[in-house]
Every structure is written in C-alpha cells, then in structure tokens.
Amino acid sequence: MGDYYARTGEPMTLKEWATTFEADDNHVGDDTVKGVRVSTVYLGLDHSFGMGGPPLIFETMVFGGPHDQHTARYATEEQARDGHARVLAAIREGREPRSDFDA
C-alpha cells in the first residue's frame, strides 16, 4: 500500500497528494480555549509507522498549556472530528486529553 492517501482514505500518488494538499484547506478543526490551541488537520501521509491497522492520516495536536504537544491520530475524517471535539472538551474541563491509543 502507498504512503499517500486522500481524505477518504483511498491511496493516491505523490503527485495527486501534493496537488490536493496544496489546493485544500486541510483543517478539520482549529479552536483556541483558555489560551490553548487545539488543531486537527488532514495530513494525507500515513502516520501509523508500520504499527498495523488502517493508515492514520489525520492528526490533532495541542499547542500551549500543560498538555502542549499532546497528539492523537485518526484514520477517518469522522474520527478526527470526534477526536477534536473530545480533546477540546478535555481542555475546557481542565482534564488531560486522551489519545485513541490510551487504554
């Protein structure tokens, strides 16, 4: 399987990915609460690092505050939207955000 994926999860060539990535707004969510930014983006590159399972092509990251650099990755845009909302809620409520990899 390739390294580049459309937002729908379908494999694509590097050229297709570059053209799509350049043309699209890649944000799924971008919010700031309590001075902490929560950003979720379509990456289009598989960030599963060979750990098995579907390609992880979306990423949520926290910038600032006590959970700076917290990261969670997702296979689908729906998962990314849900994950963004969960991380945002955790920050609003003063809880530690959990990634989908947490047990």
PDB file of N, CA and C in Angstrom:
ATOM      1  N   MET A   1       0.845  -1.175   0.000  1.00  0.00           N
ATOM      2  CA  MET A   1       0.000   0.000   0.000  1.00  0.00           C
ATOM      3  C   MET A   1       0.891   1.240   0.000  1.00  0.00           C
ATOM      4  N   GLY A   2       0.401   2.324  -0.550  1.00  0.00           N
ATOM      5  CA  GLY A   2       1.184   3.543  -0.673  1.00  0.00           C
ATOM      6  C   GLY A   2       1.293   4.328   0.614  1.00  0.00           C
ATOM      7  N   ASP A   3       2.005   5.424   0.521  1.00  0.00           N
ATOM      8  CA  ASP A   3       2.206   6.288   1.681  1.00  0.00           C
ATOM      9  C   ASP A   3       1.266   7.491   1.692  1.00  0.00           C
ATOM     10  N   TYR A   4       0.590   7.758   0.575  1.00  0.00           N
ATOM     11  CA  TYR A   4      -0.221   8.964   0.418  1.00  0.00           C
ATOM     12  C   TYR A   4      -1.685   8.575   0.265  1.00  0.00           C
ATOM     13  N   TYR A   5      -2.552   9.337   0.952  1.00  0.00           N
ATOM     14  CA  TYR A   5      -3.960   8.983   0.979  1.00  0.00           C
ATOM     15  C   TYR A   5      -4.845  10.218   0.841  1.00  0.00           C
ATOM     16  N   ALA A   6      -5.955  10.041   0.117  1.00  0.00           N
ATOM     17  CA  ALA A   6      -6.982  11.073   0.022  1.00  0.00           C
ATOM     18  C   ALA A   6      -7.704  11.174   1.360  1.00  0.00           C
ATOM     19  N   ARG A   7      -8.458  12.235   1.547  1.00  0.00           N
ATOM     20  CA  ARG A   7      -9.221  12.404   2.794  1.00  0.00           C
ATOM     21  C   ARG A   7     -10.162  11.232   3.039  1.00  0.00           C
ATOM     22  N   THR A   8     -10.573  10.566   1.972  1.00  0.00           N
ATOM     23  CA  THR A   8     -11.475   9.417   2.073  1.00  0.00           C
ATOM     24  C   THR A   8     -10.742   8.138   2.436  1.00  0.00           C
ATOM     25  N   GLY A   9      -9.405   8.188   2.488  1.00  0.00           N
ATOM     26  CA  GLY A   9      -8.611   7.019   2.834  1.00  0.00           C
ATOM     27  C   GLY A   9      -8.117   6.219   1.643  1.00  0.00           C
ATOM     28  N   GLU A  10      -8.500   6.633   0.439  1.00  0.00           N
ATOM     29  CA  GLU A  10      -8.051   5.934  -0.767  1.00  0.00           C
ATOM     30  C   GLU A  10      -6.596   6.275  -1.062  1.00  0.00           C
ATOM     31  N   PRO A  11      -5.792   5.270  -1.436  1.00  0.00           N
ATOM     32  CA  PRO A  11      -4.396   5.544  -1.788  1.00  0.00           C
ATOM     33  C   PRO A  11      -4.311   6.478  -2.993  1.00  0.00           C
ATOM     34  N   MET A  12      -3.272   7.274  -3.021  1.00  0.00           N
ATOM     35  CA  MET A  12      -3.037   8.169  -4.151  1.00  0.00           C
ATOM     36  C   MET A  12      -1.542   8.302  -4.388  1.00  0.00           C
ATOM     37  N   THR A  13      -1.186   8.828  -5.538  1.00  0.00           N
ATOM     38  CA  THR A  13       0.223   9.037  -5.854  1.00  0.00           C
ATOM     39  C   THR A  13       0.730  10.287  -5.146  1.00  0.00           C
ATOM     40  N   LEU A  14       2.025  10.421  -5.091  1.00  0.00           N
ATOM     41  CA  LEU A  14       2.632  11.621  -4.512  1.00  0.00           C
ATOM     42  C   LEU A  14       2.149  12.869  -5.243  1.00  0.00           C
ATOM     43  N   LYS A  15       2.099  12.814  -6.556  1.00  0.00           N
ATOM     44  CA  LYS A  15       1.661  13.975  -7.343  1.00  0.00           C
ATOM     45  C   LYS A  15       0.208  14.336  -7.030  1.00  0.00           C
ATOM     46  N   GLU A  16      -0.664  13.330  -6.951  1.00  0.00           N
ATOM     47  CA  GLU A  16      -2.066  13.588  -6.612  1.00  0.00           C
ATOM     48  C   GLU A  16      -2.175  14.193  -5.214  1.00  0.00           C
ATOM     49  N   TRP A  17      -1.425  13.633  -4.269  1.00  0.00           N
ATOM     50  CA  TRP A  17      -1.458  14.142  -2.894  1.00  0.00           C
ATOM     51  C   TRP A  17      -0.981  15.590  -2.847  1.00  0.00           C
ATOM     52  N   ALA A  18       0.130  15.885  -3.512  1.00  0.00           N
ATOM     53  CA  ALA A  18       0.690  17.240  -3.490  1.00  0.00           C
ATOM     54  C   ALA A  18      -0.285  18.246  -4.078  1.00  0.00           C
ATOM     55  N   THR A  19      -0.923  17.883  -5.177  1.00  0.00           N
ATOM     56  CA  THR A  19      -1.890  18.776  -5.812  1.00  0.00           C
ATOM     57  C   THR A  19      -3.092  19.005  -4.902  1.00  0.00           C
ATOM     58  N   THR A  20      -3.611  17.946  -4.332  1.00  0.00           N
ATOM     59  CA  THR A  20      -4.762  18.042  -3.432  1.00  0.00           C
ATOM     60  C   THR A  20      -4.402  18.808  -2.171  1.00  0.00           C
ATOM     61  N   PHE A  21      -3.265  18.466  -1.586  1.00  0.00           N
ATOM     62  CA  PHE A  21      -2.853  19.070  -0.324  1.00  0.00           C
ATOM     63  C   PHE A  21      -2.654  20.576  -0.478  1.00  0.00           C
ATOM     64  N   GLU A  22      -2.086  20.975  -1.599  1.00  0.00           N
ATOM     65  CA  GLU A  22      -1.831  22.400  -1.847  1.00  0.00           C
ATOM     66  C   GLU A  22      -3.130  23.171  -2.058  1.00  0.00           C
ATOM     67  N   ALA A  23      -4.121  22.543  -2.694  1.00  0.00           N
ATOM     68  CA  ALA A  23      -5.357  23.229  -3.072  1.00  0.00           C
ATOM     69  C   ALA A  23      -6.375  23.295  -1.934  1.00  0.00           C
ATOM     70  N   ASP A  24      -6.347  22.340  -1.024  1.00  0.00           N
ATOM     71  CA  ASP A  24      -7.384  22.235   0.011  1.00  0.00           C
ATOM     72  C   ASP A  24      -7.025  22.984   1.283  1.00  0.00           C
ATOM     73  N   ASP A  25      -8.073  23.359   2.036  1.00  0.00           N
ATOM     74  CA  ASP A  25      -7.888  23.776   3.421  1.00  0.00           C
ATOM     75  C   ASP A  25      -7.846  22.476   4.216  1.00  0.00           C
ATOM     76  N   ASN A  26      -6.739  22.183   4.805  1.00  0.00           N
ATOM     77  CA  ASN A  26      -6.534  20.895   5.438  1.00  0.00           C
ATOM     78  C   ASN A  26      -6.991  20.825   6.889  1.00  0.00           C
ATOM     79  N   HIS A  27      -7.553  21.919   7.409  1.00  0.00           N
ATOM     80  CA  HIS A  27      -8.036  21.897   8.787  1.00  0.00           C
ATOM     81  C   HIS A  27      -9.370  21.171   8.893  1.00  0.00           C
ATOM     82  N   VAL A  28      -9.464  20.339   9.883  1.00  0.00           N
ATOM     83  CA  VAL A  28     -10.712  19.695  10.257  1.00  0.00           C
ATOM     84  C   VAL A  28     -11.320  20.487  11.419  1.00  0.00           C
ATOM     85  N   GLY A  29     -10.463  20.998  12.285  1.00  0.00           N
ATOM     86  CA  GLY A  29     -10.871  21.834  13.409  1.00  0.00           C
ATOM     87  C   GLY A  29      -9.697  22.660  13.868  1.00  0.00           C
ATOM     88  N   ASP A  30      -9.979  23.872  14.319  1.00  0.00           N
ATOM     89  CA  ASP A  30      -8.922  24.769  14.807  1.00  0.00           C
ATOM     90  C   ASP A  30      -9.559  25.727  15.798  1.00  0.00           C
ATOM     91  N   ASP A  31      -9.387  25.443  17.077  1.00  0.00           N
ATOM     92  CA  ASP A  31     -10.036  26.219  18.134  1.00  0.00           C
ATOM     93  C   ASP A  31      -9.032  26.591  19.214  1.00  0.00           C
ATOM     94  N   THR A  32      -9.292  27.718  19.855  1.00  0.00           N
ATOM     95  CA  THR A  32      -8.483  28.142  20.988  1.00  0.00           C
ATOM     96  C   THR A  32      -9.408  28.327  22.185  1.00  0.00           C
ATOM     97  N   VAL A  33      -9.036  27.699  23.291  1.00  0.00           N
ATOM     98  CA  VAL A  33      -9.801  27.817  24.530  1.00  0.00           C
ATOM     99  C   VAL A  33      -8.805  27.951  25.677  1.00  0.00           C
ATOM    100  N   LYS A  34      -9.057  28.905  26.543  1.00  0.00           N
ATOM    101  CA  LYS A  34      -8.182  29.157  27.693  1.00  0.00           C
ATOM    102  C   LYS A  34      -6.738  29.373  27.257  1.00  0.00           C
ATOM    103  N   GLY A  35      -6.557  29.996  26.101  1.00  0.00           N
ATOM    104  CA  GLY A  35      -5.218  30.273  25.593  1.00  0.00           C
ATOM    105  C   GLY A  35      -4.499  29.074  25.008  1.00  0.00           C
ATOM    106  N   VAL A  36      -5.200  27.959  24.866  1.00  0.00           N
ATOM    107  CA  VAL A  36      -4.623  26.731  24.324  1.00  0.00           C
ATOM    108  C   VAL A  36      -5.265  26.465  22.967  1.00  0.00           C
ATOM    109  N   ARG A  37      -4.425  26.229  21.981  1.00  0.00           N
ATOM    110  CA  ARG A  37      -4.920  25.952  20.629  1.00  0.00           C
ATOM    111  C   ARG A  37      -5.017  24.444  20.423  1.00  0.00           C
ATOM    112  N   VAL A  38      -6.154  24.006  19.893  1.00  0.00           N
ATOM    113  CA  VAL A  38      -6.369  22.615  19.509  1.00  0.00           C
ATOM    114  C   VAL A  38      -6.592  22.620  18.001  1.00  0.00           C
ATOM    115  N   SER A  39      -5.687  21.965  17.289  1.00  0.00           N
ATOM    116  CA  SER A  39      -5.725  21.950  15.832  1.00  0.00           C
ATOM    117  C   SER A  39      -5.801  20.514  15.332  1.00  0.00           C
ATOM    118  N   THR A  40      -6.745  20.263  14.435  1.00  0.00           N
ATOM    119  CA  THR A  40      -6.869  18.952  13.807  1.00  0.00           C
ATOM    120  C   THR A  40      -6.785  19.140  12.305  1.00  0.00           C
ATOM    121  N   VAL A  41      -5.896  18.382  11.676  1.00  0.00           N
ATOM    122  CA  VAL A  41      -5.635  18.551  10.248  1.00  0.00           C
ATOM    123  C   VAL A  41      -5.606  17.213   9.519  1.00  0.00           C
ATOM    124  N   TYR A  42      -5.888  17.303   8.226  1.00  0.00           N
ATOM    125  CA  TYR A  42      -5.680  16.191   7.298  1.00  0.00           C
ATOM    126  C   TYR A  42      -4.222  16.242   6.891  1.00  0.00           C
ATOM    127  N   LEU A  43      -3.506  15.145   7.104  1.00  0.00           N
ATOM    128  CA  LEU A  43      -2.096  15.055   6.727  1.00  0.00           C
ATOM    129  C   LEU A  43      -1.931  14.373   5.372  1.00  0.00           C
ATOM    130  N   GLY A  44      -2.719  13.344   5.137  1.00  0.00           N
ATOM    131  CA  GLY A  44      -2.616  12.595   3.898  1.00  0.00           C
ATOM    132  C   GLY A  44      -1.452  11.631   3.842  1.00  0.00           C
ATOM    133  N   LEU A  45      -0.613  11.660   4.848  1.00  0.00           N
ATOM    134  CA  LEU A  45       0.522  10.748   4.958  1.00  0.00           C
ATOM    135  C   LEU A  45       0.231   9.783   6.097  1.00  0.00           C
ATOM    136  N   ASP A  46       0.565   8.520   5.904  1.00  0.00           N
ATOM    137  CA  ASP A  46       0.289   7.517   6.922  1.00  0.00           C
ATOM    138  C   ASP A  46       1.241   7.682   8.103  1.00  0.00           C
ATOM    139  N   HIS A  47       0.679   8.018   9.263  1.00  0.00           N
ATOM    140  CA  HIS A  47       1.466   8.179  10.484  1.00  0.00           C
ATOM    141  C   HIS A  47       1.253   7.018  11.455  1.00  0.00           C
ATOM    142  N   SER A  48       0.937   5.832  10.914  1.00  0.00           N
ATOM    143  CA  SER A  48       0.808   4.659  11.780  1.00  0.00           C
ATOM    144  C   SER A  48       2.171   4.019  12.023  1.00  0.00           C
ATOM    145  N   PHE A  49       3.162   4.429  11.243  1.00  0.00           N
ATOM    146  CA  PHE A  49       4.541   3.987  11.417  1.00  0.00           C
ATOM    147  C   PHE A  49       4.674   2.466  11.459  1.00  0.00           C
ATOM    148  N   GLY A  50       3.906   1.791  10.591  1.00  0.00           N
ATOM    149  CA  GLY A  50       4.025   0.349  10.471  1.00  0.00           C
ATOM    150  C   GLY A  50       3.473  -0.440  11.644  1.00  0.00           C
ATOM    151  N   MET A  51       2.643   0.192  12.462  1.00  0.00           N
ATOM    152  CA  MET A  51       2.112  -0.480  13.650  1.00  0.00           C
ATOM    153  C   MET A  51       0.869  -1.313  13.343  1.00  0.00           C
ATOM    154  N   GLY A  52       0.504  -1.422  12.081  1.00  0.00           N
ATOM    155  CA  GLY A  52      -0.679  -2.183  11.695  1.00  0.00           C
ATOM    156  C   GLY A  52      -1.926  -1.327  11.739  1.00  0.00           C
ATOM    157  N   GLY A  53      -2.994  -1.867  11.241  1.00  0.00           N
ATOM    158  CA  GLY A  53      -4.249  -1.141  11.201  1.00  0.00           C
ATOM    159  C   GLY A  53      -4.314  -0.206  10.013  1.00  0.00           C
ATOM    160  N   PRO A  54      -5.385   0.573   9.940  1.00  0.00           N
ATOM    161  CA  PRO A  54      -5.563   1.479   8.801  1.00  0.00           C
ATOM    162  C   PRO A  54      -4.558   2.632   8.855  1.00  0.00           C
ATOM    163  N   PRO A  55      -4.315   3.266   7.715  1.00  0.00           N
ATOM    164  CA  PRO A  55      -3.417   4.426   7.716  1.00  0.00           C
ATOM    165  C   PRO A  55      -4.001   5.559   8.562  1.00  0.00           C
ATOM    166  N   LEU A  56      -3.157   6.157   9.377  1.00  0.00           N
ATOM    167  CA  LEU A  56      -3.571   7.286  10.222  1.00  0.00           C
ATOM    168  C   LEU A  56      -3.190   8.561   9.493  1.00  0.00           C
ATOM    169  N   ILE A  57      -4.195   9.245   8.930  1.00  0.00           N
ATOM    170  CA  ILE A  57      -3.940  10.372   8.023  1.00  0.00           C
ATOM    171  C   ILE A  57      -4.480  11.710   8.528  1.00  0.00           C
ATOM    172  N   PHE A  58      -5.013  11.714   9.742  1.00  0.00           N
ATOM    173  CA  PHE A  58      -5.482  12.946  10.391  1.00  0.00           C
ATOM    174  C   PHE A  58      -4.795  13.046  11.744  1.00  0.00           C
ATOM    175  N   GLU A  59      -4.587  14.281  12.211  1.00  0.00           N
ATOM    176  CA  GLU A  59      -3.874  14.467  13.480  1.00  0.00           C
ATOM    177  C   GLU A  59      -4.439  15.653  14.244  1.00  0.00           C
ATOM    178  N   THR A  60      -4.637  15.451  15.545  1.00  0.00           N
ATOM    179  CA  THR A  60      -4.969  16.526  16.468  1.00  0.00           C
ATOM    180  C   THR A  60      -3.733  16.813  17.306  1.00  0.00           C
ATOM    181  N   MET A  61      -3.441  18.106  17.479  1.00  0.00           N
ATOM    182  CA  MET A  61      -2.313  18.485  18.326  1.00  0.00           C
ATOM    183  C   MET A  61      -2.726  19.676  19.189  1.00  0.00           C
ATOM    184  N   VAL A  62      -2.228  19.667  20.427  1.00  0.00           N
ATOM    185  CA  VAL A  62      -2.462  20.749  21.384  1.00  0.00           C
ATOM    186  C   VAL A  62      -1.222  21.634  21.411  1.00  0.00           C
ATOM    187  N   PHE A  63      -1.456  22.939  21.366  1.00  0.00           N
ATOM    188  CA  PHE A  63      -0.369  23.919  21.426  1.00  0.00           C
ATOM    189  C   PHE A  63      -0.596  24.833  22.620  1.00  0.00           C
ATOM    190  N   GLY A  64       0.289  24.755  23.602  1.00  0.00           N
ATOM    191  CA  GLY A  64       0.209  25.592  24.789  1.00  0.00           C
ATOM    192  C   GLY A  64      -0.400  24.857  25.965  1.00  0.00           C
ATOM    193  N   GLY A  65      -0.289  25.478  27.119  1.00  0.00           N
ATOM    194  CA  GLY A  65      -0.860  24.910  28.331  1.00  0.00           C
ATOM    195  C   GLY A  65      -0.116  23.681  28.819  1.00  0.00           C
ATOM    196  N   PRO A  66      -0.649  23.050  29.850  1.00  0.00           N
ATOM    197  CA  PRO A  66       0.037  21.908  30.459  1.00  0.00           C
ATOM    198  C   PRO A  66       0.076  20.661  29.570  1.00  0.00           C
ATOM    199  N   HIS A  67      -0.739  20.626  28.520  1.00  0.00           N
ATOM    200  CA  HIS A  67      -0.780  19.456  27.642  1.00  0.00           C
ATOM    201  C   HIS A  67      -0.200  19.770  26.265  1.00  0.00           C
ATOM    202  N   ASP A  68       0.689  20.771  26.228  1.00  0.00           N
ATOM    203  CA  ASP A  68       1.347  21.183  24.985  1.00  0.00           C
ATOM    204  C   ASP A  68       1.962  19.970  24.280  1.00  0.00           C
ATOM    205  N   GLN A  69       1.707  19.881  22.995  1.00  0.00           N
ATOM    206  CA  GLN A  69       2.227  18.820  22.123  1.00  0.00           C
ATOM    207  C   GLN A  69       1.487  17.491  22.250  1.00  0.00           C
ATOM    208  N   HIS A  70       0.405  17.450  23.035  1.00  0.00           N
ATOM    209  CA  HIS A  70      -0.421  16.227  23.047  1.00  0.00           C
ATOM    210  C   HIS A  70      -0.874  15.980  21.615  1.00  0.00           C
ATOM    211  N   THR A  71      -0.774  14.722  21.175  1.00  0.00           N
ATOM    212  CA  THR A  71      -1.104  14.365  19.804  1.00  0.00           C
ATOM    213  C   THR A  71      -1.995  13.136  19.774  1.00  0.00           C
ATOM    214  N   ALA A  72      -2.963  13.140  18.873  1.00  0.00           N
ATOM    215  CA  ALA A  72      -3.795  11.964  18.608  1.00  0.00           C
ATOM    216  C   ALA A  72      -3.969  11.862  17.098  1.00  0.00           C
ATOM    217  N   ARG A  73      -4.003  10.643  16.582  1.00  0.00           N
ATOM    218  CA  ARG A  73      -4.110  10.433  15.132  1.00  0.00           C
ATOM    219  C   ARG A  73      -5.288   9.528  14.821  1.00  0.00           C
ATOM    220  N   TYR A  74      -5.819   9.707  13.594  1.00  0.00           N
ATOM    221  CA  TYR A  74      -7.051   9.037  13.201  1.00  0.00           C
ATOM    222  C   TYR A  74      -6.988   8.568  11.750  1.00  0.00           C
ATOM    223  N   ALA A  75      -7.816   7.571  11.448  1.00  0.00           N
ATOM    224  CA  ALA A  75      -7.875   7.015  10.100  1.00  0.00           C
ATOM    225  C   ALA A  75      -8.919   7.711   9.232  1.00  0.00           C
ATOM    226  N   THR A  76      -9.985   8.231   9.837  1.00  0.00           N
ATOM    227  CA  THR A  76     -11.066   8.830   9.044  1.00  0.00           C
ATOM    228  C   THR A  76     -11.339  10.261   9.502  1.00  0.00           C
ATOM    229  N   GLU A  77     -11.964  11.020   8.624  1.00  0.00           N
ATOM    230  CA  GLU A  77     -12.312  12.391   8.973  1.00  0.00           C
ATOM    231  C   GLU A  77     -13.350  12.435  10.088  1.00  0.00           C
ATOM    232  N   GLU A  78     -14.266  11.484  10.100  1.00  0.00           N
ATOM    233  CA  GLU A  78     -15.255  11.414  11.173  1.00  0.00           C
ATOM    234  C   GLU A  78     -14.571  11.196  12.526  1.00  0.00           C
ATOM    235  N   GLN A  79     -13.623  10.267  12.575  1.00  0.00           N
ATOM    236  CA  GLN A  79     -12.865  10.042  13.806  1.00  0.00           C
ATOM    237  C   GLN A  79     -12.106  11.304  14.209  1.00  0.00           C
ATOM    238  N   ALA A  80     -11.555  12.002  13.224  1.00  0.00           N
ATOM    239  CA  ALA A  80     -10.790  13.226  13.502  1.00  0.00           C
ATOM    240  C   ALA A  80     -11.694  14.300  14.091  1.00  0.00           C
ATOM    241  N   ARG A  81     -12.893  14.470  13.533  1.00  0.00           N
ATOM    242  CA  ARG A  81     -13.838  15.462  14.075  1.00  0.00           C
ATOM    243  C   ARG A  81     -14.238  15.106  15.510  1.00  0.00           C
ATOM    244  N   ASP A  82     -14.524  13.828  15.740  1.00  0.00           N
ATOM    245  CA  ASP A  82     -14.889  13.375  17.092  1.00  0.00           C
ATOM    246  C   ASP A  82     -13.714  13.556  18.056  1.00  0.00           C
ATOM    247  N   GLY A  83     -12.517  13.188  17.609  1.00  0.00           N
ATOM    248  CA  GLY A  83     -11.325  13.327  18.447  1.00  0.00           C
ATOM    249  C   GLY A  83     -11.038  14.780  18.775  1.00  0.00           C
ATOM    250  N   HIS A  84     -11.205  15.663  17.798  1.00  0.00           N
ATOM    251  CA  HIS A  84     -11.000  17.095  18.025  1.00  0.00           C
ATOM    252  C   HIS A  84     -11.958  17.581  19.117  1.00  0.00           C
ATOM    253  N   ALA A  85     -13.214  17.185  19.000  1.00  0.00           N
ATOM    254  CA  ALA A  85     -14.216  17.600  19.993  1.00  0.00           C
ATOM    255  C   ALA A  85     -13.876  17.062  21.380  1.00  0.00           C
ATOM    256  N   ARG A  86     -13.398  15.810  21.471  1.00  0.00           N
ATOM    257  CA  ARG A  86     -13.032  15.232  22.773  1.00  0.00           C
ATOM    258  C   ARG A  86     -11.849  15.966  23.403  1.00  0.00           C
ATOM    259  N   VAL A  87     -10.827  16.258  22.596  1.00  0.00           N
ATOM    260  CA  VAL A  87      -9.652  16.968  23.120  1.00  0.00           C
ATOM    261  C   VAL A  87     -10.051  18.374  23.552  1.00  0.00           C
ATOM    262  N   LEU A  88     -10.852  19.047  22.736  1.00  0.00           N
ATOM    263  CA  LEU A  88     -11.313  20.391  23.064  1.00  0.00           C
ATOM    264  C   LEU A  88     -12.115  20.385  24.372  1.00  0.00           C
ATOM    265  N   ALA A  89     -12.993  19.407  24.537  1.00  0.00           N
ATOM    266  CA  ALA A  89     -13.783  19.298  25.769  1.00  0.00           C
ATOM    267  C   ALA A  89     -12.874  19.062  26.974  1.00  0.00           C
ATOM    268  N   ALA A  90     -11.868  18.227  26.829  1.00  0.00           N
ATOM    269  CA  ALA A  90     -10.942  17.965  27.934  1.00  0.00           C
ATOM    270  C   ALA A  90     -10.225  19.239  28.356  1.00  0.00           C
ATOM    271  N   ILE A  91      -9.778  20.023  27.380  1.00  0.00           N
ATOM    272  CA  ILE A  91      -9.094  21.284  27.697  1.00  0.00           C
ATOM    273  C   ILE A  91     -10.060  22.231  28.399  1.00  0.00           C
ATOM    274  N   ARG A  92     -11.277  22.348  27.892  1.00  0.00           N
ATOM    275  CA  ARG A  92     -12.282  23.232  28.513  1.00  0.00           C
ATOM    276  C   ARG A  92     -12.555  22.834  29.964  1.00  0.00           C
ATOM    277  N   GLU A  93     -12.583  21.512  30.220  1.00  0.00           N
ATOM    278  CA  GLU A  93     -12.930  20.993  31.543  1.00  0.00           C
ATOM    279  C   GLU A  93     -11.718  20.827  32.454  1.00  0.00           C
ATOM    280  N   GLY A  94     -10.538  21.168  31.953  1.00  0.00           N
ATOM    281  CA  GLY A  94      -9.332  21.061  32.769  1.00  0.00           C
ATOM    282  C   GLY A  94      -8.843  19.642  32.954  1.00  0.00           C
ATOM    283  N   ARG A  95      -9.289  18.742  32.076  1.00  0.00           N
ATOM    284  CA  ARG A  95      -8.851  17.347  32.148  1.00  0.00           C
ATOM    285  C   ARG A  95      -7.693  17.107  31.189  1.00  0.00           C
ATOM    286  N   GLU A  96      -6.974  16.034  31.416  1.00  0.00           N
ATOM    287  CA  GLU A  96      -5.924  15.637  30.496  1.00  0.00           C
ATOM    288  C   GLU A  96      -6.572  14.996  29.272  1.00  0.00           C
ATOM    289  N   PRO A  97      -6.227  15.475  28.084  1.00  0.00           N
ATOM    290  CA  PRO A  97      -6.791  14.829  26.884  1.00  0.00           C
ATOM    291  C   PRO A  97      -6.200  13.440  26.728  1.00  0.00           C
ATOM    292  N   ARG A  98      -6.998  12.538  26.211  1.00  0.00           N
ATOM    293  CA  ARG A  98      -6.544  11.172  25.980  1.00  0.00           C
ATOM    294  C   ARG A  98      -6.484  10.928  24.486  1.00  0.00           C
ATOM    295  N   SER A  99      -5.469  10.216  24.052  1.00  0.00           N
ATOM    296  CA  SER A  99      -5.390   9.835  22.648  1.00  0.00           C
ATOM    297  C   SER A  99      -6.148   8.535  22.477  1.00  0.00           C
ATOM    298  N   ASP A 100      -6.443   8.191  21.242  1.00  0.00           N
ATOM    299  CA  ASP A 100      -7.131   6.937  20.968  1.00  0.00           C
ATOM    300  C   ASP A 100      -6.276   5.735  21.329  1.00  0.00           C
ATOM    301  N   PHE A 101      -4.979   5.952  21.602  1.00  0.00           N
ATOM    302  CA  PHE A 101      -4.092   4.855  21.955  1.00  0.00           C
ATOM    303  C   PHE A 101      -4.099   4.574  23.452  1.00  0.00           C
ATOM    304  N   ASP A 102      -4.715   5.451  24.246  1.00  0.00           N
ATOM    305  CA  ASP A 102      -4.754   5.244  25.696  1.00  0.00           C
ATOM    306  C   ASP A 102      -5.726   4.122  26.025  1.00  0.00           C
ATOM    307  N   ALA A 103      -5.361   3.317  26.986  1.00  0.00           N
ATOM    308  CA  ALA A 103      -6.246   2.213  27.402  1.00  0.00           C
ATOM    309  C   ALA A 103      -7.282   2.696  28.385  1.00  0.00           C
TER     310      ALA A 103
END
